[in-house]
Amino acid sequence: MCLGVPGQVVELRSNREAIVDFWGVRKPVRLENLKPVVVPGDYVIEHAGFAVRVIPPADVADTLALYEVLLSEAGEDPIARDVVDALDCIEVELEAPAFR
């Protein structure tokens, strides 16, 4: 089963990519699947590197609380592990020589 992860947009790199904060871990997220315009401060649900929906402001607190419950009941934090693994891959890609 796959689970989308809520995060807060902290920076727009373009109309197609944003930096999103997931409980203190920031990573790039693609935006082209979204119809509404996203601005810093918005919360989105991310899955596989893509924002799949914007969380309505009235639902943000309840959504984050639900995820906190899910994570605390899971014991290990699988979302944090996925984010850290993804960031490790990004760091490796950045360190790799560019071929042109």
N, C-alpha and C. Protein backbone atom coordinates (compact mmCIF):
# COMPACT_ATOMS: atom_id res chain seq x y z
N MET A 1 0.84 -1.18 0.00
CA MET A 1 0.00 0.00 0.00
C MET A 1 0.88 1.23 0.00
N CYS A 2 0.51 2.22 -0.78
CA CYS A 2 1.24 3.48 -0.82
C CYS A 2 0.48 4.53 -0.03
N LEU A 3 1.24 5.44 0.55
CA LEU A 3 0.65 6.47 1.38
C LEU A 3 1.21 7.81 0.95
N GLY A 4 0.33 8.75 0.66
CA GLY A 4 0.77 10.11 0.38
C GLY A 4 1.16 10.77 1.69
N VAL A 5 2.06 11.73 1.62
CA VAL A 5 2.60 12.36 2.81
C VAL A 5 2.30 13.86 2.77
N PRO A 6 1.77 14.42 3.88
CA PRO A 6 1.52 15.85 3.90
C PRO A 6 2.80 16.63 4.20
N GLY A 7 2.96 17.76 3.54
CA GLY A 7 4.10 18.62 3.79
C GLY A 7 3.75 20.05 3.44
N GLN A 8 4.55 20.98 3.97
CA GLN A 8 4.31 22.39 3.73
C GLN A 8 5.27 22.94 2.68
N VAL A 9 4.73 23.63 1.70
CA VAL A 9 5.54 24.26 0.66
C VAL A 9 6.31 25.42 1.32
N VAL A 10 7.64 25.39 1.19
CA VAL A 10 8.45 26.45 1.78
C VAL A 10 9.11 27.33 0.72
N GLU A 11 9.22 26.82 -0.50
CA GLU A 11 9.88 27.59 -1.56
C GLU A 11 9.40 27.08 -2.91
N LEU A 12 9.15 28.00 -3.81
CA LEU A 12 8.84 27.63 -5.19
C LEU A 12 10.10 27.79 -6.02
N ARG A 13 10.50 26.74 -6.70
CA ARG A 13 11.66 26.81 -7.60
C ARG A 13 11.20 27.21 -8.99
N SER A 14 10.00 26.83 -9.33
CA SER A 14 9.38 27.18 -10.61
C SER A 14 7.90 26.85 -10.46
N ASN A 15 7.13 27.01 -11.53
CA ASN A 15 5.72 26.62 -11.46
C ASN A 15 5.57 25.10 -11.51
N ARG A 16 6.69 24.39 -11.67
CA ARG A 16 6.65 22.93 -11.77
C ARG A 16 7.34 22.22 -10.60
N GLU A 17 8.00 22.97 -9.70
CA GLU A 17 8.72 22.33 -8.61
C GLU A 17 8.76 23.23 -7.39
N ALA A 18 8.62 22.61 -6.22
CA ALA A 18 8.69 23.33 -4.96
C ALA A 18 9.56 22.55 -3.99
N ILE A 19 10.07 23.25 -2.98
CA ILE A 19 10.71 22.59 -1.85
C ILE A 19 9.64 22.47 -0.78
N VAL A 20 9.44 21.26 -0.30
CA VAL A 20 8.38 20.97 0.67
C VAL A 20 9.02 20.42 1.94
N ASP A 21 8.52 20.90 3.07
CA ASP A 21 9.02 20.48 4.38
C ASP A 21 8.12 19.38 4.94
N PHE A 22 8.75 18.24 5.25
CA PHE A 22 8.07 17.09 5.85
C PHE A 22 8.65 16.89 7.24
N TRP A 23 8.04 17.46 8.24
CA TRP A 23 8.49 17.32 9.62
C TRP A 23 9.98 17.64 9.76
N GLY A 24 10.41 18.72 9.15
CA GLY A 24 11.80 19.15 9.28
C GLY A 24 12.73 18.66 8.20
N VAL A 25 12.27 17.76 7.35
CA VAL A 25 13.09 17.28 6.23
C VAL A 25 12.53 17.91 4.96
N ARG A 26 13.39 18.59 4.22
CA ARG A 26 12.95 19.28 3.01
C ARG A 26 13.41 18.52 1.77
N LYS A 27 12.50 18.44 0.79
CA LYS A 27 12.85 17.78 -0.46
C LYS A 27 12.08 18.40 -1.61
N PRO A 28 12.60 18.27 -2.84
CA PRO A 28 11.89 18.81 -3.99
C PRO A 28 10.67 17.95 -4.32
N VAL A 29 9.61 18.62 -4.73
CA VAL A 29 8.36 17.95 -5.11
C VAL A 29 7.86 18.57 -6.41
N ARG A 30 7.48 17.73 -7.35
CA ARG A 30 6.96 18.19 -8.64
C ARG A 30 5.50 18.65 -8.46
N LEU A 31 5.11 19.70 -9.18
CA LEU A 31 3.79 20.31 -9.01
C LEU A 31 2.87 20.15 -10.21
N GLU A 32 3.33 19.58 -11.32
CA GLU A 32 2.53 19.62 -12.53
C GLU A 32 1.20 18.87 -12.46
N ASN A 33 0.98 18.03 -11.45
CA ASN A 33 -0.29 17.32 -11.31
C ASN A 33 -1.37 18.16 -10.64
N LEU A 34 -1.01 19.35 -10.16
CA LEU A 34 -1.97 20.18 -9.43
C LEU A 34 -2.60 21.22 -10.34
N LYS A 35 -3.90 21.42 -10.18
CA LYS A 35 -4.60 22.48 -10.90
C LYS A 35 -4.48 23.81 -10.15
N PRO A 36 -4.69 23.85 -8.83
CA PRO A 36 -4.60 25.16 -8.16
C PRO A 36 -3.14 25.64 -8.10
N VAL A 37 -2.99 26.95 -8.10
CA VAL A 37 -1.67 27.53 -7.94
C VAL A 37 -1.23 27.32 -6.49
N VAL A 38 0.00 26.86 -6.31
CA VAL A 38 0.54 26.60 -4.98
C VAL A 38 1.46 27.74 -4.61
N VAL A 39 1.36 28.18 -3.35
CA VAL A 39 2.23 29.25 -2.85
C VAL A 39 2.89 28.77 -1.56
N PRO A 40 4.04 29.38 -1.21
CA PRO A 40 4.66 29.02 0.07
C PRO A 40 3.66 29.17 1.21
N GLY A 41 3.68 28.18 2.09
CA GLY A 41 2.73 28.13 3.20
C GLY A 41 1.62 27.13 2.98
N ASP A 42 1.32 26.80 1.72
CA ASP A 42 0.31 25.79 1.43
C ASP A 42 0.80 24.42 1.86
N TYR A 43 -0.13 23.54 2.16
CA TYR A 43 0.18 22.15 2.46
C TYR A 43 -0.29 21.29 1.30
N VAL A 44 0.52 20.31 0.93
CA VAL A 44 0.18 19.40 -0.16
C VAL A 44 0.36 17.96 0.32
N ILE A 45 -0.27 17.06 -0.40
CA ILE A 45 -0.03 15.63 -0.21
C ILE A 45 0.93 15.22 -1.32
N GLU A 46 2.04 14.61 -0.94
CA GLU A 46 3.08 14.17 -1.89
C GLU A 46 3.08 12.66 -1.97
N HIS A 47 3.26 12.16 -3.18
CA HIS A 47 3.42 10.72 -3.39
C HIS A 47 4.41 10.53 -4.54
N ALA A 48 5.46 9.78 -4.29
CA ALA A 48 6.45 9.43 -5.31
C ALA A 48 7.06 10.66 -5.98
N GLY A 49 7.26 11.71 -5.19
CA GLY A 49 7.91 12.91 -5.70
C GLY A 49 6.99 13.93 -6.34
N PHE A 50 5.69 13.64 -6.38
CA PHE A 50 4.72 14.54 -6.99
C PHE A 50 3.68 14.97 -5.96
N ALA A 51 3.32 16.25 -5.99
CA ALA A 51 2.19 16.72 -5.19
C ALA A 51 0.92 16.22 -5.89
N VAL A 52 0.06 15.53 -5.14
CA VAL A 52 -1.14 14.97 -5.76
C VAL A 52 -2.40 15.76 -5.39
N ARG A 53 -2.31 16.58 -4.34
CA ARG A 53 -3.42 17.48 -4.03
C ARG A 53 -2.99 18.51 -3.01
N VAL A 54 -3.70 19.63 -3.00
CA VAL A 54 -3.49 20.67 -2.00
C VAL A 54 -4.45 20.38 -0.85
N ILE A 55 -3.96 20.45 0.38
CA ILE A 55 -4.81 20.25 1.55
C ILE A 55 -5.52 21.58 1.84
N PRO A 56 -6.85 21.58 1.88
CA PRO A 56 -7.56 22.82 2.20
C PRO A 56 -7.11 23.33 3.58
N PRO A 57 -6.94 24.65 3.72
CA PRO A 57 -6.47 25.21 5.00
C PRO A 57 -7.27 24.72 6.21
N ALA A 58 -8.58 24.55 6.05
CA ALA A 58 -9.41 24.10 7.17
C ALA A 58 -9.11 22.67 7.59
N ASP A 59 -8.45 21.89 6.71
CA ASP A 59 -8.18 20.47 6.99
C ASP A 59 -6.74 20.19 7.41
N VAL A 60 -5.87 21.20 7.38
CA VAL A 60 -4.44 20.97 7.65
C VAL A 60 -4.21 20.40 9.05
N ALA A 61 -4.75 21.02 10.08
CA ALA A 61 -4.50 20.57 11.45
C ALA A 61 -4.98 19.13 11.66
N ASP A 62 -6.16 18.80 11.17
CA ASP A 62 -6.68 17.44 11.33
C ASP A 62 -5.84 16.43 10.54
N THR A 63 -5.41 16.81 9.34
CA THR A 63 -4.59 15.91 8.52
C THR A 63 -3.26 15.63 9.19
N LEU A 64 -2.58 16.66 9.69
CA LEU A 64 -1.30 16.46 10.36
C LEU A 64 -1.46 15.65 11.64
N ALA A 65 -2.54 15.88 12.39
CA ALA A 65 -2.79 15.11 13.60
C ALA A 65 -3.01 13.64 13.29
N LEU A 66 -3.73 13.35 12.21
CA LEU A 66 -3.95 11.96 11.80
C LEU A 66 -2.63 11.27 11.48
N TYR A 67 -1.76 11.93 10.75
CA TYR A 67 -0.46 11.34 10.40
C TYR A 67 0.40 11.14 11.64
N GLU A 68 0.34 12.07 12.59
CA GLU A 68 1.10 11.90 13.84
C GLU A 68 0.65 10.65 14.58
N VAL A 69 -0.65 10.40 14.61
CA VAL A 69 -1.18 9.19 15.26
C VAL A 69 -0.70 7.94 14.52
N LEU A 70 -0.81 7.96 13.18
CA LEU A 70 -0.37 6.81 12.39
C LEU A 70 1.11 6.51 12.62
N LEU A 71 1.93 7.55 12.65
CA LEU A 71 3.37 7.35 12.82
C LEU A 71 3.71 6.85 14.22
N SER A 72 3.04 7.37 15.22
CA SER A 72 3.36 6.94 16.59
C SER A 72 2.91 5.51 16.83
N GLU A 73 1.82 5.08 16.19
CA GLU A 73 1.36 3.70 16.35
C GLU A 73 2.19 2.71 15.54
N ALA A 74 2.87 3.19 14.52
CA ALA A 74 3.67 2.31 13.67
C ALA A 74 4.99 1.93 14.33
N GLY A 75 5.38 2.63 15.42
CA GLY A 75 6.66 2.35 16.06
C GLY A 75 7.76 3.07 15.31
N GLU A 76 8.33 2.43 14.29
CA GLU A 76 9.32 3.09 13.43
C GLU A 76 8.57 4.07 12.53
N ASP A 77 9.21 5.12 12.14
CA ASP A 77 8.60 6.13 11.31
C ASP A 77 8.89 5.83 9.84
N PRO A 78 7.99 5.11 9.16
CA PRO A 78 8.27 4.71 7.78
C PRO A 78 8.32 5.89 6.82
N ILE A 79 7.59 6.94 7.09
CA ILE A 79 7.61 8.11 6.22
C ILE A 79 8.95 8.80 6.32
N ALA A 80 9.45 8.98 7.54
CA ALA A 80 10.75 9.62 7.72
C ALA A 80 11.84 8.78 7.04
N ARG A 81 11.75 7.47 7.13
CA ARG A 81 12.74 6.60 6.48
C ARG A 81 12.71 6.80 4.97
N ASP A 82 11.50 6.87 4.38
CA ASP A 82 11.38 7.08 2.94
C ASP A 82 11.95 8.43 2.52
N VAL A 83 11.68 9.46 3.33
CA VAL A 83 12.20 10.80 3.01
C VAL A 83 13.71 10.82 3.08
N VAL A 84 14.28 10.22 4.14
CA VAL A 84 15.73 10.17 4.29
C VAL A 84 16.36 9.39 3.14
N ASP A 85 15.76 8.26 2.77
CA ASP A 85 16.28 7.47 1.64
C ASP A 85 16.24 8.28 0.35
N ALA A 86 15.16 9.02 0.14
CA ALA A 86 15.05 9.84 -1.07
C ALA A 86 16.10 10.93 -1.06
N LEU A 87 16.33 11.55 0.09
CA LEU A 87 17.34 12.59 0.18
C LEU A 87 18.74 12.03 -0.06
N ASP A 88 19.00 10.82 0.42
CA ASP A 88 20.29 10.19 0.16
C ASP A 88 20.51 10.02 -1.34
N CYS A 89 19.47 9.63 -2.07
CA CYS A 89 19.58 9.47 -3.52
C CYS A 89 19.85 10.81 -4.19
N ILE A 90 19.20 11.86 -3.73
CA ILE A 90 19.41 13.18 -4.31
C ILE A 90 20.84 13.63 -4.08
N GLU A 91 21.36 13.41 -2.88
CA GLU A 91 22.74 13.82 -2.59
C GLU A 91 23.72 13.08 -3.49
N VAL A 92 23.48 11.81 -3.73
CA VAL A 92 24.35 11.03 -4.60
C VAL A 92 24.29 11.59 -6.01
N GLU A 93 23.09 11.92 -6.49
CA GLU A 93 22.95 12.48 -7.83
C GLU A 93 23.68 13.81 -7.95
N LEU A 94 23.64 14.63 -6.90
CA LEU A 94 24.30 15.92 -6.95
C LEU A 94 25.81 15.77 -6.94
N GLU A 95 26.31 14.72 -6.30
CA GLU A 95 27.75 14.51 -6.22
C GLU A 95 28.31 13.85 -7.49
N ALA A 96 27.45 13.20 -8.25
CA ALA A 96 27.89 12.51 -9.45
C ALA A 96 28.32 13.54 -10.50
N PRO A 97 29.35 13.23 -11.29
CA PRO A 97 29.79 14.17 -12.31
C PRO A 97 28.71 14.36 -13.37
N ALA A 98 28.59 15.57 -13.86
CA ALA A 98 27.61 15.86 -14.90
C ALA A 98 28.20 15.53 -16.26
N PHE A 99 27.43 14.85 -17.07
CA PHE A 99 27.87 14.52 -18.42
C PHE A 99 27.09 15.39 -19.39
N ARG A 100 27.79 16.06 -20.27
CA ARG A 100 27.12 16.94 -21.22
C ARG A 100 27.59 16.66 -22.60
